[in-house]
Amino acid sequence: MNYVIRSIRPDEWPAAKALRLLALQDPVAHLAFLETYDDALGRPDSFWKERAEGAAKGATGAQQIIAEGPDGEWVGTLTVLIEEAGTEDWAGLPVERKQGHVVGVFVREEYRGIGLTEVLFDAGLEWAWGQGVERVRLIVHEDNARARRFYGKAGFVATGVVVPLGEGTKERELEMAVERERA
């Protein structure tokens, strides 16, 4: 595999923005992301710059990891956020211990099935473990069977935590997590 798996640099915000916009056009984007293409497209460059700076190499609160092809094209990404014990997560649920939270998982359709997602997850988990977390979680839409199958193969198991997607809808997301293995 001739792909480089690495953290982004702060000055790469235009590429991070472009890949996010592409991800939001994926056929399952409505199940995978809590943002629409139009909302993201309307964000100012300052938003994208700040987002990249906060998740770039050397940052400790988040890390965006990409798969870069031999030609320099970004073909996949995921981001790991660090959630501190005693805070609330994006859904208002209490965070009981320091943990990683995987978000923004995306691999371009033409590169799926060649192992990039697995390598991205390995890099994301390695980064999270290096930040001192003992648990990494993600939230997946109950109808996103493709993602749920992959996450299960990657070692994530359903925790029983269910996150409703808001008032007026019966849609839900499910928490899956993996615990750090003890040596």
N, C-alpha and C. Protein backbone atom coordinates (compact mmCIF):
# COMPACT_ATOMS: atom_id res chain seq x y z
N MET A 1 0.86 -1.17 0.00
CA MET A 1 0.00 0.00 0.00
C MET A 1 0.90 1.24 0.00
N ASN A 2 0.78 2.06 -1.00
CA ASN A 2 1.61 3.25 -1.12
C ASN A 2 0.89 4.50 -0.64
N TYR A 3 0.32 4.43 0.54
CA TYR A 3 -0.39 5.56 1.12
C TYR A 3 0.34 6.00 2.38
N VAL A 4 0.35 7.29 2.61
CA VAL A 4 0.93 7.83 3.83
C VAL A 4 -0.23 8.13 4.77
N ILE A 5 -0.14 7.62 5.99
CA ILE A 5 -1.14 7.88 7.02
C ILE A 5 -0.48 8.85 7.99
N ARG A 6 -1.08 10.03 8.14
CA ARG A 6 -0.44 11.07 8.96
C ARG A 6 -1.47 12.07 9.46
N SER A 7 -1.03 12.84 10.44
CA SER A 7 -1.84 13.94 10.95
C SER A 7 -1.71 15.12 9.99
N ILE A 8 -2.77 15.92 9.93
CA ILE A 8 -2.72 17.10 9.07
C ILE A 8 -1.83 18.17 9.69
N ARG A 9 -1.43 19.14 8.87
CA ARG A 9 -0.72 20.33 9.32
C ARG A 9 -1.70 21.50 9.29
N PRO A 10 -1.50 22.49 10.15
CA PRO A 10 -2.44 23.62 10.21
C PRO A 10 -2.67 24.31 8.87
N ASP A 11 -1.62 24.43 8.04
CA ASP A 11 -1.75 25.13 6.77
C ASP A 11 -2.49 24.32 5.70
N GLU A 12 -2.87 23.10 6.04
CA GLU A 12 -3.58 22.25 5.08
C GLU A 12 -5.09 22.37 5.19
N TRP A 13 -5.57 23.45 5.81
CA TRP A 13 -7.00 23.61 5.99
C TRP A 13 -7.78 23.57 4.68
N PRO A 14 -7.25 24.11 3.53
CA PRO A 14 -8.05 24.01 2.30
C PRO A 14 -8.30 22.55 1.88
N ALA A 15 -7.31 21.69 2.04
CA ALA A 15 -7.50 20.28 1.69
C ALA A 15 -8.45 19.60 2.67
N ALA A 16 -8.35 19.97 3.95
CA ALA A 16 -9.27 19.41 4.95
C ALA A 16 -10.71 19.83 4.64
N LYS A 17 -10.88 21.07 4.26
CA LYS A 17 -12.21 21.57 3.88
C LYS A 17 -12.73 20.83 2.67
N ALA A 18 -11.90 20.67 1.65
CA ALA A 18 -12.33 20.00 0.41
C ALA A 18 -12.75 18.56 0.68
N LEU A 19 -11.98 17.85 1.52
CA LEU A 19 -12.33 16.46 1.81
C LEU A 19 -13.61 16.37 2.63
N ARG A 20 -13.81 17.30 3.55
CA ARG A 20 -15.04 17.32 4.33
C ARG A 20 -16.25 17.57 3.42
N LEU A 21 -16.12 18.52 2.51
CA LEU A 21 -17.22 18.81 1.60
C LEU A 21 -17.53 17.60 0.72
N LEU A 22 -16.50 16.88 0.29
CA LEU A 22 -16.72 15.66 -0.48
C LEU A 22 -17.44 14.61 0.37
N ALA A 23 -17.01 14.46 1.61
CA ALA A 23 -17.64 13.49 2.51
C ALA A 23 -19.12 13.79 2.70
N LEU A 24 -19.45 15.06 2.77
CA LEU A 24 -20.85 15.45 3.00
C LEU A 24 -21.73 15.24 1.77
N GLN A 25 -21.12 14.85 0.65
CA GLN A 25 -21.88 14.52 -0.55
C GLN A 25 -22.04 13.02 -0.73
N ASP A 26 -21.47 12.23 0.17
CA ASP A 26 -21.59 10.78 0.11
C ASP A 26 -23.06 10.39 0.28
N PRO A 27 -23.49 9.31 -0.36
CA PRO A 27 -24.89 8.90 -0.24
C PRO A 27 -25.38 8.62 1.18
N VAL A 28 -24.47 8.24 2.10
CA VAL A 28 -24.91 8.00 3.48
C VAL A 28 -24.52 9.15 4.42
N ALA A 29 -24.18 10.29 3.87
CA ALA A 29 -23.77 11.43 4.70
C ALA A 29 -24.84 11.81 5.71
N HIS A 30 -26.10 11.70 5.32
CA HIS A 30 -27.18 12.06 6.24
C HIS A 30 -27.21 11.15 7.46
N LEU A 31 -26.66 9.95 7.35
CA LEU A 31 -26.57 9.03 8.48
C LEU A 31 -25.25 9.16 9.23
N ALA A 32 -24.23 9.61 8.53
CA ALA A 32 -22.88 9.58 9.10
C ALA A 32 -22.43 10.89 9.75
N PHE A 33 -22.96 12.00 9.31
CA PHE A 33 -22.47 13.29 9.78
C PHE A 33 -23.61 14.14 10.31
N LEU A 34 -23.33 14.91 11.34
CA LEU A 34 -24.33 15.80 11.93
C LEU A 34 -24.23 17.19 11.32
N GLU A 35 -23.98 17.24 10.03
CA GLU A 35 -23.81 18.50 9.32
C GLU A 35 -24.21 18.26 7.88
N THR A 36 -24.73 19.28 7.23
CA THR A 36 -25.08 19.14 5.82
C THR A 36 -24.02 19.82 4.96
N TYR A 37 -24.00 19.43 3.71
CA TYR A 37 -23.08 20.03 2.74
C TYR A 37 -23.29 21.54 2.68
N ASP A 38 -24.54 21.97 2.59
CA ASP A 38 -24.83 23.40 2.47
C ASP A 38 -24.35 24.18 3.69
N ASP A 39 -24.56 23.61 4.89
CA ASP A 39 -24.09 24.28 6.11
C ASP A 39 -22.56 24.42 6.09
N ALA A 40 -21.88 23.33 5.73
CA ALA A 40 -20.41 23.36 5.71
C ALA A 40 -19.90 24.32 4.64
N LEU A 41 -20.53 24.31 3.50
CA LEU A 41 -20.10 25.18 2.40
C LEU A 41 -20.21 26.65 2.79
N GLY A 42 -21.17 26.98 3.64
CA GLY A 42 -21.38 28.36 4.05
C GLY A 42 -20.45 28.86 5.14
N ARG A 43 -19.62 27.98 5.68
CA ARG A 43 -18.72 28.39 6.77
C ARG A 43 -17.55 29.22 6.20
N PRO A 44 -17.14 30.24 6.94
CA PRO A 44 -16.03 31.09 6.47
C PRO A 44 -14.69 30.35 6.56
N ASP A 45 -13.72 30.83 5.83
CA ASP A 45 -12.39 30.23 5.87
C ASP A 45 -11.82 30.22 7.28
N SER A 46 -12.15 31.21 8.08
CA SER A 46 -11.64 31.27 9.45
C SER A 46 -12.07 30.02 10.24
N PHE A 47 -13.26 29.53 9.98
CA PHE A 47 -13.73 28.30 10.64
C PHE A 47 -12.83 27.13 10.29
N TRP A 48 -12.55 26.97 9.00
CA TRP A 48 -11.74 25.85 8.52
C TRP A 48 -10.30 25.95 9.02
N LYS A 49 -9.77 27.16 9.06
CA LYS A 49 -8.41 27.37 9.58
C LYS A 49 -8.34 26.97 11.05
N GLU A 50 -9.30 27.44 11.84
CA GLU A 50 -9.32 27.12 13.27
C GLU A 50 -9.51 25.63 13.51
N ARG A 51 -10.37 25.03 12.72
CA ARG A 51 -10.63 23.59 12.85
C ARG A 51 -9.35 22.80 12.57
N ALA A 52 -8.63 23.16 11.51
CA ALA A 52 -7.39 22.46 11.17
C ALA A 52 -6.32 22.68 12.24
N GLU A 53 -6.19 23.89 12.72
CA GLU A 53 -5.19 24.17 13.76
C GLU A 53 -5.45 23.35 15.01
N GLY A 54 -6.72 23.20 15.38
CA GLY A 54 -7.07 22.47 16.61
C GLY A 54 -6.92 20.97 16.50
N ALA A 55 -6.77 20.46 15.27
CA ALA A 55 -6.68 19.00 15.09
C ALA A 55 -5.42 18.60 14.33
N ALA A 56 -4.46 19.52 14.25
CA ALA A 56 -3.23 19.26 13.49
C ALA A 56 -2.18 18.57 14.34
N LYS A 57 -1.15 18.12 13.67
CA LYS A 57 -0.02 17.47 14.35
C LYS A 57 0.45 18.35 15.50
N GLY A 58 0.60 17.73 16.67
CA GLY A 58 1.03 18.46 17.85
C GLY A 58 -0.11 18.91 18.75
N ALA A 59 -1.33 18.97 18.22
CA ALA A 59 -2.48 19.34 19.05
C ALA A 59 -2.77 18.20 20.03
N THR A 60 -3.29 18.52 21.19
CA THR A 60 -3.56 17.49 22.19
C THR A 60 -5.06 17.25 22.43
N GLY A 61 -5.91 18.15 21.95
CA GLY A 61 -7.34 17.99 22.18
C GLY A 61 -8.06 17.27 21.06
N ALA A 62 -7.42 17.18 19.91
CA ALA A 62 -8.01 16.51 18.75
C ALA A 62 -6.91 16.23 17.74
N GLN A 63 -7.15 15.26 16.87
CA GLN A 63 -6.20 14.94 15.83
C GLN A 63 -6.95 14.47 14.59
N GLN A 64 -6.73 15.15 13.46
CA GLN A 64 -7.29 14.70 12.19
C GLN A 64 -6.20 13.95 11.45
N ILE A 65 -6.50 12.72 11.13
CA ILE A 65 -5.55 11.84 10.46
C ILE A 65 -6.06 11.58 9.05
N ILE A 66 -5.14 11.64 8.09
CA ILE A 66 -5.54 11.43 6.71
C ILE A 66 -4.75 10.29 6.07
N ALA A 67 -5.34 9.75 5.02
CA ALA A 67 -4.64 8.81 4.13
C ALA A 67 -4.34 9.60 2.86
N GLU A 68 -3.07 9.70 2.55
CA GLU A 68 -2.61 10.47 1.40
C GLU A 68 -2.07 9.51 0.34
N GLY A 69 -2.61 9.62 -0.87
CA GLY A 69 -2.18 8.75 -1.95
C GLY A 69 -0.81 9.12 -2.49
N PRO A 70 -0.26 8.27 -3.35
CA PRO A 70 1.07 8.52 -3.91
C PRO A 70 1.18 9.84 -4.67
N ASP A 71 0.06 10.32 -5.17
CA ASP A 71 0.05 11.59 -5.91
C ASP A 71 -0.23 12.79 -5.01
N GLY A 72 -0.32 12.56 -3.69
CA GLY A 72 -0.60 13.64 -2.75
C GLY A 72 -2.07 13.88 -2.49
N GLU A 73 -2.94 13.16 -3.19
CA GLU A 73 -4.38 13.33 -3.00
C GLU A 73 -4.81 12.72 -1.67
N TRP A 74 -5.65 13.44 -0.93
CA TRP A 74 -6.20 12.93 0.32
C TRP A 74 -7.38 12.03 -0.03
N VAL A 75 -7.31 10.78 0.39
CA VAL A 75 -8.35 9.83 0.01
C VAL A 75 -9.17 9.32 1.20
N GLY A 76 -8.77 9.66 2.42
CA GLY A 76 -9.53 9.24 3.58
C GLY A 76 -9.13 10.04 4.80
N THR A 77 -10.01 10.03 5.79
CA THR A 77 -9.75 10.79 7.01
C THR A 77 -10.58 10.27 8.17
N LEU A 78 -10.11 10.57 9.35
CA LEU A 78 -10.92 10.47 10.57
C LEU A 78 -10.31 11.44 11.57
N THR A 79 -11.11 11.81 12.54
CA THR A 79 -10.66 12.71 13.59
C THR A 79 -10.96 12.07 14.93
N VAL A 80 -10.03 12.22 15.87
CA VAL A 80 -10.25 11.76 17.23
C VAL A 80 -10.26 13.00 18.13
N LEU A 81 -11.34 13.16 18.87
CA LEU A 81 -11.48 14.23 19.84
C LEU A 81 -11.20 13.67 21.23
N ILE A 82 -10.59 14.46 22.08
CA ILE A 82 -10.39 14.04 23.46
C ILE A 82 -11.51 14.68 24.30
N GLU A 83 -12.22 13.84 25.03
CA GLU A 83 -13.27 14.31 25.93
C GLU A 83 -12.80 14.11 27.37
N GLU A 84 -12.81 15.18 28.12
CA GLU A 84 -12.30 15.15 29.49
C GLU A 84 -13.38 14.73 30.48
N ALA A 85 -12.97 13.96 31.47
CA ALA A 85 -13.88 13.54 32.54
C ALA A 85 -14.46 14.78 33.22
N GLY A 86 -15.74 14.70 33.56
CA GLY A 86 -16.40 15.81 34.26
C GLY A 86 -17.03 16.83 33.33
N THR A 87 -16.89 16.64 32.02
CA THR A 87 -17.51 17.55 31.05
C THR A 87 -18.75 16.88 30.46
N GLU A 88 -19.39 17.58 29.55
CA GLU A 88 -20.51 17.00 28.80
C GLU A 88 -20.09 16.86 27.35
N ASP A 89 -20.59 15.82 26.69
CA ASP A 89 -20.29 15.64 25.28
C ASP A 89 -21.24 16.48 24.41
N TRP A 90 -21.13 16.34 23.10
CA TRP A 90 -21.92 17.14 22.16
C TRP A 90 -23.42 16.93 22.34
N ALA A 91 -23.81 15.78 22.88
CA ALA A 91 -25.24 15.49 23.07
C ALA A 91 -25.73 15.86 24.46
N GLY A 92 -24.83 16.44 25.27
CA GLY A 92 -25.22 16.82 26.63
C GLY A 92 -25.10 15.71 27.64
N LEU A 93 -24.50 14.60 27.24
CA LEU A 93 -24.32 13.47 28.16
C LEU A 93 -23.03 13.66 28.95
N PRO A 94 -23.00 13.23 30.21
CA PRO A 94 -21.78 13.40 31.01
C PRO A 94 -20.66 12.49 30.53
N VAL A 95 -19.45 13.03 30.56
CA VAL A 95 -18.26 12.24 30.25
C VAL A 95 -17.69 11.79 31.58
N GLU A 96 -17.68 10.49 31.81
CA GLU A 96 -17.30 9.96 33.12
C GLU A 96 -15.80 9.79 33.28
N ARG A 97 -15.07 9.60 32.19
CA ARG A 97 -13.62 9.48 32.25
C ARG A 97 -13.02 9.99 30.96
N LYS A 98 -11.76 10.36 31.00
CA LYS A 98 -11.09 10.86 29.81
C LYS A 98 -11.15 9.78 28.73
N GLN A 99 -11.62 10.20 27.56
CA GLN A 99 -11.80 9.24 26.49
C GLN A 99 -11.60 9.90 25.13
N GLY A 100 -11.34 9.07 24.14
CA GLY A 100 -11.30 9.53 22.76
C GLY A 100 -12.66 9.35 22.13
N HIS A 101 -12.95 10.18 21.14
CA HIS A 101 -14.22 10.11 20.42
C HIS A 101 -13.91 10.24 18.93
N VAL A 102 -14.10 9.16 18.19
CA VAL A 102 -13.83 9.16 16.75
C VAL A 102 -15.01 9.80 16.02
N VAL A 103 -14.70 10.75 15.15
CA VAL A 103 -15.72 11.43 14.33
C VAL A 103 -15.17 11.60 12.92
N GLY A 104 -16.05 11.97 12.01
CA GLY A 104 -15.64 12.37 10.66
C GLY A 104 -14.95 11.28 9.86
N VAL A 105 -15.35 10.03 10.02
CA VAL A 105 -14.72 8.94 9.29
C VAL A 105 -15.21 8.98 7.83
N PHE A 106 -14.25 9.00 6.90
CA PHE A 106 -14.60 9.02 5.49
C PHE A 106 -13.44 8.51 4.65
N VAL A 107 -13.75 7.63 3.70
CA VAL A 107 -12.81 7.21 2.67
C VAL A 107 -13.54 7.35 1.33
N ARG A 108 -12.85 7.98 0.37
CA ARG A 108 -13.46 8.14 -0.96
C ARG A 108 -13.91 6.78 -1.49
N GLU A 109 -15.06 6.78 -2.13
CA GLU A 109 -15.68 5.52 -2.57
C GLU A 109 -14.73 4.64 -3.38
N GLU A 110 -13.97 5.23 -4.28
CA GLU A 110 -13.10 4.44 -5.15
C GLU A 110 -11.90 3.84 -4.43
N TYR A 111 -11.70 4.21 -3.15
CA TYR A 111 -10.60 3.67 -2.36
C TYR A 111 -11.07 2.77 -1.23
N ARG A 112 -12.35 2.50 -1.17
CA ARG A 112 -12.89 1.65 -0.12
C ARG A 112 -12.56 0.19 -0.40
N GLY A 113 -12.40 -0.56 0.68
CA GLY A 113 -12.17 -1.99 0.54
C GLY A 113 -10.72 -2.39 0.35
N ILE A 114 -9.79 -1.45 0.47
CA ILE A 114 -8.37 -1.78 0.29
C ILE A 114 -7.59 -1.67 1.60
N GLY A 115 -8.29 -1.46 2.70
CA GLY A 115 -7.65 -1.44 4.00
C GLY A 115 -7.33 -0.07 4.56
N LEU A 116 -7.70 1.01 3.87
CA LEU A 116 -7.38 2.34 4.37
C LEU A 116 -8.11 2.68 5.66
N THR A 117 -9.36 2.30 5.75
CA THR A 117 -10.12 2.62 6.96
C THR A 117 -9.49 1.94 8.18
N GLU A 118 -9.07 0.70 8.01
CA GLU A 118 -8.43 -0.01 9.10
C GLU A 118 -7.15 0.70 9.55
N VAL A 119 -6.34 1.15 8.58
CA VAL A 119 -5.09 1.81 8.91
C VAL A 119 -5.36 3.17 9.56
N LEU A 120 -6.38 3.89 9.08
CA LEU A 120 -6.75 5.16 9.71
C LEU A 120 -7.16 4.92 11.16
N PHE A 121 -7.97 3.90 11.40
CA PHE A 121 -8.41 3.59 12.77
C PHE A 121 -7.22 3.20 13.64
N ASP A 122 -6.31 2.41 13.11
CA ASP A 122 -5.12 2.05 13.89
C ASP A 122 -4.36 3.31 14.31
N ALA A 123 -4.17 4.23 13.38
CA ALA A 123 -3.45 5.48 13.69
C ALA A 123 -4.22 6.33 14.69
N GLY A 124 -5.54 6.40 14.52
CA GLY A 124 -6.36 7.18 15.44
C GLY A 124 -6.33 6.62 16.85
N LEU A 125 -6.43 5.30 16.96
CA LEU A 125 -6.37 4.67 18.28
C LEU A 125 -4.99 4.85 18.91
N GLU A 126 -3.95 4.69 18.13
CA GLU A 126 -2.60 4.87 18.65
C GLU A 126 -2.42 6.29 19.19
N TRP A 127 -2.92 7.28 18.45
CA TRP A 127 -2.82 8.66 18.93
C TRP A 127 -3.60 8.83 20.24
N ALA A 128 -4.82 8.30 20.28
CA ALA A 128 -5.66 8.44 21.48
C ALA A 128 -5.00 7.78 22.68
N TRP A 129 -4.48 6.57 22.51
CA TRP A 129 -3.82 5.89 23.63
C TRP A 129 -2.64 6.74 24.11
N GLY A 130 -1.94 7.38 23.18
CA GLY A 130 -0.83 8.24 23.54
C GLY A 130 -1.24 9.48 24.32
N GLN A 131 -2.51 9.83 24.27
CA GLN A 131 -3.04 10.96 25.03
C GLN A 131 -3.51 10.54 26.42
N GLY A 132 -3.33 9.25 26.73
CA GLY A 132 -3.66 8.76 28.07
C GLY A 132 -5.10 8.32 28.27
N VAL A 133 -5.84 8.11 27.19
CA VAL A 133 -7.21 7.63 27.36
C VAL A 133 -7.19 6.11 27.49
N GLU A 134 -8.18 5.58 28.15
CA GLU A 134 -8.31 4.14 28.30
C GLU A 134 -9.46 3.59 27.47
N ARG A 135 -10.19 4.50 26.84
CA ARG A 135 -11.40 4.11 26.09
C ARG A 135 -11.55 5.06 24.92
N VAL A 136 -11.95 4.51 23.78
CA VAL A 136 -12.28 5.34 22.61
C VAL A 136 -13.66 4.93 22.16
N ARG A 137 -14.48 5.92 21.87
CA ARG A 137 -15.85 5.64 21.47
C ARG A 137 -16.17 6.33 20.16
N LEU A 138 -17.30 5.97 19.63
CA LEU A 138 -17.87 6.65 18.48
C LEU A 138 -19.37 6.50 18.57
N ILE A 139 -20.05 7.33 17.83
CA ILE A 139 -21.51 7.29 17.78
C ILE A 139 -21.88 7.01 16.33
N VAL A 140 -22.75 6.03 16.12
CA VAL A 140 -23.12 5.64 14.76
C VAL A 140 -24.64 5.55 14.66
N HIS A 141 -25.17 6.05 13.55
CA HIS A 141 -26.62 6.00 13.33
C HIS A 141 -27.07 4.55 13.29
N GLU A 142 -28.19 4.27 13.92
CA GLU A 142 -28.68 2.90 14.00
C GLU A 142 -28.94 2.29 12.62
N ASP A 143 -29.19 3.11 11.60
CA ASP A 143 -29.46 2.61 10.26
C ASP A 143 -28.20 2.52 9.39
N ASN A 144 -27.05 2.89 9.91
CA ASN A 144 -25.81 2.86 9.13
C ASN A 144 -25.13 1.50 9.32
N ALA A 145 -25.73 0.49 8.68
CA ALA A 145 -25.27 -0.89 8.87
C ALA A 145 -23.84 -1.09 8.39
N ARG A 146 -23.47 -0.46 7.28
CA ARG A 146 -22.11 -0.61 6.75
C ARG A 146 -21.08 -0.16 7.78
N ALA A 147 -21.30 1.00 8.37
CA ALA A 147 -20.37 1.52 9.36
C ALA A 147 -20.37 0.66 10.62
N ARG A 148 -21.54 0.25 11.06
CA ARG A 148 -21.62 -0.56 12.28
C ARG A 148 -20.85 -1.88 12.10
N ARG A 149 -20.96 -2.49 10.92
CA ARG A 149 -20.21 -3.73 10.66
C ARG A 149 -18.71 -3.48 10.73
N PHE A 150 -18.25 -2.41 10.09
CA PHE A 150 -16.82 -2.12 10.11
C PHE A 150 -16.34 -1.86 11.52
N TYR A 151 -17.07 -1.03 12.27
CA TYR A 151 -16.64 -0.69 13.63
C TYR A 151 -16.53 -1.94 14.49
N GLY A 152 -17.47 -2.87 14.30
CA GLY A 152 -17.40 -4.13 15.02
C GLY A 152 -16.14 -4.91 14.68
N LYS A 153 -15.79 -4.95 13.40
CA LYS A 153 -14.56 -5.63 12.98
C LYS A 153 -13.32 -4.94 13.55
N ALA A 154 -13.42 -3.64 13.78
CA ALA A 154 -12.29 -2.87 14.33
C ALA A 154 -12.20 -2.99 15.85
N GLY A 155 -13.10 -3.77 16.46
CA GLY A 155 -13.03 -4.01 17.90
C GLY A 155 -14.00 -3.21 18.74
N PHE A 156 -14.78 -2.34 18.11
CA PHE A 156 -15.75 -1.54 18.86
C PHE A 156 -16.98 -2.38 19.13
N VAL A 157 -17.51 -2.27 20.35
CA VAL A 157 -18.72 -3.00 20.73
C VAL A 157 -19.78 -2.01 21.21
N ALA A 158 -21.02 -2.36 20.99
CA ALA A 158 -22.13 -1.52 21.44
C ALA A 158 -22.11 -1.46 22.96
N THR A 159 -22.27 -0.25 23.49
CA THR A 159 -22.23 -0.06 24.94
C THR A 159 -23.62 -0.04 25.57
N GLY A 160 -24.65 0.09 24.74
CA GLY A 160 -26.00 0.22 25.27
C GLY A 160 -26.45 1.67 25.39
N VAL A 161 -25.52 2.61 25.22
CA VAL A 161 -25.88 4.03 25.25
C VAL A 161 -26.54 4.39 23.93
N VAL A 162 -27.72 5.00 24.02
CA VAL A 162 -28.47 5.42 22.84
C VAL A 162 -28.63 6.93 22.89
N VAL A 163 -28.35 7.58 21.77
CA VAL A 163 -28.44 9.03 21.68
C VAL A 163 -29.56 9.39 20.70
N PRO A 164 -30.67 9.98 21.19
CA PRO A 164 -31.72 10.41 20.27
C PRO A 164 -31.22 11.57 19.42
N LEU A 165 -31.68 11.63 18.19
CA LEU A 165 -31.22 12.68 17.28
C LEU A 165 -32.03 13.96 17.37
N GLY A 166 -32.82 14.09 18.39
CA GLY A 166 -33.55 15.33 18.59
C GLY A 166 -35.04 15.10 18.74
N GLU A 167 -35.68 16.15 19.20
CA GLU A 167 -37.13 16.07 19.39
C GLU A 167 -37.82 15.98 18.03
N GLY A 168 -38.91 15.26 17.99
CA GLY A 168 -39.68 15.16 16.76
C GLY A 168 -39.18 14.09 15.81
N THR A 169 -38.17 13.33 16.22
CA THR A 169 -37.69 12.23 15.38
C THR A 169 -37.48 11.00 16.25
N LYS A 170 -37.68 9.86 15.65
CA LYS A 170 -37.43 8.61 16.36
C LYS A 170 -36.06 8.05 16.02
N GLU A 171 -35.30 8.77 15.18
CA GLU A 171 -33.98 8.31 14.81
C GLU A 171 -33.05 8.37 16.01
N ARG A 172 -32.15 7.38 16.06
CA ARG A 172 -31.22 7.29 17.18
C ARG A 172 -29.83 6.95 16.68
N GLU A 173 -28.86 7.29 17.52
CA GLU A 173 -27.49 6.87 17.27
C GLU A 173 -27.06 5.99 18.44
N LEU A 174 -26.17 5.08 18.15
CA LEU A 174 -25.71 4.11 19.13
C LEU A 174 -24.24 4.34 19.44
N GLU A 175 -23.88 4.26 20.70
CA GLU A 175 -22.48 4.37 21.08
C GLU A 175 -21.83 3.00 20.96
N MET A 176 -20.61 3.01 20.39
CA MET A 176 -19.76 1.83 20.35
C MET A 176 -18.42 2.27 20.93
N ALA A 177 -17.74 1.35 21.61
CA ALA A 177 -16.47 1.73 22.23
C ALA A 177 -15.50 0.57 22.21
N VAL A 178 -14.24 0.92 22.36
CA VAL A 178 -13.18 -0.07 22.51
C VAL A 178 -12.33 0.38 23.70
N GLU A 179 -11.99 -0.59 24.54
CA GLU A 179 -11.14 -0.33 25.71
C GLU A 179 -9.70 -0.60 25.34
N ARG A 180 -8.80 0.16 25.94
CA ARG A 180 -7.38 -0.05 25.69
C ARG A 180 -6.97 -1.40 26.27
N GLU A 181 -6.23 -2.15 25.47
CA GLU A 181 -5.72 -3.44 25.95
C GLU A 181 -4.57 -3.21 26.90
N ARG A 182 -4.55 -3.97 27.94
CA ARG A 182 -3.45 -3.89 28.92
C ARG A 182 -2.32 -4.81 28.47
N ALA A 183 -1.12 -4.31 28.58
CA ALA A 183 0.05 -5.11 28.17
C ALA A 183 0.43 -6.11 29.24
